[in-house]
Amino acid sequence: MVAFDNLQDELAELGAEVIAASVDVGDTSREVAEEVSFKIGEGVTRDQANLLGAWYGDARHPEMIQPSEFVVNADGKVMMSSYSAGPLGRMNPDDLIKVINFLESLAK
């Protein structure tokens, strides 16, 4: 998440905002939040994960929200999403900037 925070200015220039959510609460949540400047929701439940369209996990994976990333346009439409059960396959902030620029070029 720190990598996204490091590119906050570039993302802001594109009108993009980073918002994170976690199942963690209390001290654990605060430790993560101290590392970044964007909003982080805490204590995400399975029902909330379902409302977000996030993957909460199953019997083979930890019973918690799994990394789920969304690019949402100004109209609230999901333009891209990524789901992962581990550290691989997550969105890279540099690539995200390229994707946003690409999506913007298609809209013109």
Protein backbone atom coordinates (compact mmCIF):
# COMPACT_ATOMS: atom_id res chain seq x y z
CA MET A 1 0.00 0.00 0.00
CA VAL A 2 2.95 2.29 0.55
CA ALA A 3 3.70 2.10 -3.19
CA PHE A 4 0.25 3.59 -3.89
CA ASP A 5 0.87 6.28 -1.30
CA ASN A 6 4.15 7.17 -2.99
CA LEU A 7 2.23 7.92 -6.21
CA GLN A 8 -0.61 9.89 -4.60
CA ASP A 9 0.29 13.09 -6.50
CA GLU A 10 0.28 11.37 -9.89
CA LEU A 11 -2.98 9.60 -9.08
CA ALA A 12 -4.56 12.85 -7.87
CA GLU A 13 -3.60 14.55 -11.15
CA LEU A 14 -5.67 11.86 -12.89
CA GLY A 15 -8.56 12.41 -10.51
CA ALA A 16 -7.92 9.03 -8.89
CA GLU A 17 -8.31 8.34 -5.19
CA VAL A 18 -7.03 5.33 -3.26
CA ILE A 19 -9.26 3.90 -0.55
CA ALA A 20 -8.40 0.68 1.31
CA ALA A 21 -10.33 -1.63 3.61
CA SER A 22 -9.18 -4.35 5.98
CA VAL A 23 -10.58 -6.93 8.37
CA ASP A 24 -8.05 -5.70 10.93
CA VAL A 25 -9.19 -3.50 13.82
CA GLY A 26 -7.53 -1.57 16.62
CA ASP A 27 -3.75 -1.50 16.91
CA THR A 28 -3.18 -3.73 13.88
CA SER A 29 -5.30 -1.46 11.70
CA ARG A 30 -3.63 1.67 13.04
CA GLU A 31 -0.16 0.27 12.28
CA VAL A 32 -1.09 -0.13 8.63
CA ALA A 33 -2.84 3.25 8.47
CA GLU A 34 0.23 5.03 9.88
CA GLU A 35 2.22 4.03 6.79
CA VAL A 36 -0.11 5.73 4.27
CA SER A 37 -2.03 8.95 3.85
CA PHE A 38 -5.19 7.58 2.21
CA LYS A 39 -8.36 6.35 3.88
CA ILE A 40 -8.43 2.82 5.29
CA GLY A 41 -11.63 1.26 6.54
CA GLU A 42 -11.27 -1.33 9.29
CA GLY A 43 -13.23 -4.31 10.53
CA VAL A 44 -14.63 -5.36 7.15
CA THR A 45 -17.13 -8.20 7.57
CA ARG A 46 -18.08 -10.92 5.11
CA ASP A 47 -21.37 -9.12 4.38
CA GLN A 48 -19.52 -5.87 3.64
CA ALA A 49 -17.03 -7.71 1.43
CA ASN A 50 -19.95 -9.17 -0.50
CA LEU A 51 -21.44 -5.69 -0.95
CA LEU A 52 -18.10 -4.48 -2.32
CA GLY A 53 -17.86 -7.45 -4.67
CA ALA A 54 -14.68 -8.54 -2.91
CA TRP A 55 -13.66 -12.15 -2.34
CA TYR A 56 -13.78 -13.04 1.34
CA GLY A 57 -12.03 -16.39 1.12
CA ASP A 58 -13.22 -19.94 1.58
CA ALA A 59 -12.26 -23.18 3.30
CA ARG A 60 -8.95 -23.30 1.37
CA HIS A 61 -7.98 -19.71 2.14
CA PRO A 62 -8.06 -17.61 5.27
CA GLU A 63 -11.56 -16.56 6.28
CA MET A 64 -10.95 -12.88 5.62
CA ILE A 65 -11.25 -10.42 2.79
CA GLN A 66 -8.70 -11.31 0.15
CA PRO A 67 -6.87 -8.65 -1.85
CA SER A 68 -9.55 -7.21 -4.10
CA GLU A 69 -8.83 -4.11 -6.12
CA PHE A 70 -11.18 -2.04 -8.24
CA VAL A 71 -10.82 0.83 -10.69
CA VAL A 72 -14.09 2.71 -10.59
CA ASN A 73 -14.89 5.59 -12.95
CA ALA A 74 -16.58 8.86 -12.01
CA ASP A 75 -19.98 7.31 -12.79
CA GLY A 76 -19.38 4.50 -10.28
CA LYS A 77 -18.83 1.84 -12.95
CA VAL A 78 -16.15 -0.77 -12.25
CA MET A 79 -13.72 -0.51 -15.15
CA MET A 80 -11.22 -3.08 -13.91
CA SER A 81 -10.86 -5.44 -10.98
CA SER A 82 -8.24 -7.75 -9.55
CA TYR A 83 -8.65 -10.55 -7.02
CA SER A 84 -5.80 -12.39 -5.35
CA ALA A 85 -5.35 -15.07 -2.71
CA GLY A 86 -1.79 -14.00 -2.02
CA PRO A 87 0.92 -11.47 -2.79
CA LEU A 88 1.03 -12.16 -6.56
CA GLY A 89 -1.38 -10.67 -9.04
CA ARG A 90 -2.07 -7.43 -7.22
CA MET A 91 -2.31 -4.11 -9.02
CA ASN A 92 0.96 -2.26 -9.45
CA PRO A 93 0.57 1.51 -8.92
CA ASP A 94 2.69 2.37 -11.98
CA ASP A 95 0.59 0.04 -14.13
CA LEU A 96 -2.58 1.48 -12.63
CA ILE A 97 -1.60 4.94 -13.86
CA LYS A 98 -1.08 3.48 -17.36
CA VAL A 99 -4.48 1.77 -17.22
CA ILE A 100 -6.23 4.96 -16.13
CA ASN A 101 -4.57 6.88 -18.97
CA PHE A 102 -5.58 4.14 -21.42
CA LEU A 103 -9.21 4.12 -20.20
CA GLU A 104 -9.29 7.92 -20.42
CA SER A 105 -8.03 7.77 -24.01
CA LEU A 106 -10.84 5.36 -24.93
CA ALA A 107 -13.41 7.70 -23.46
CA LYS A 108 -12.31 10.60 -25.71
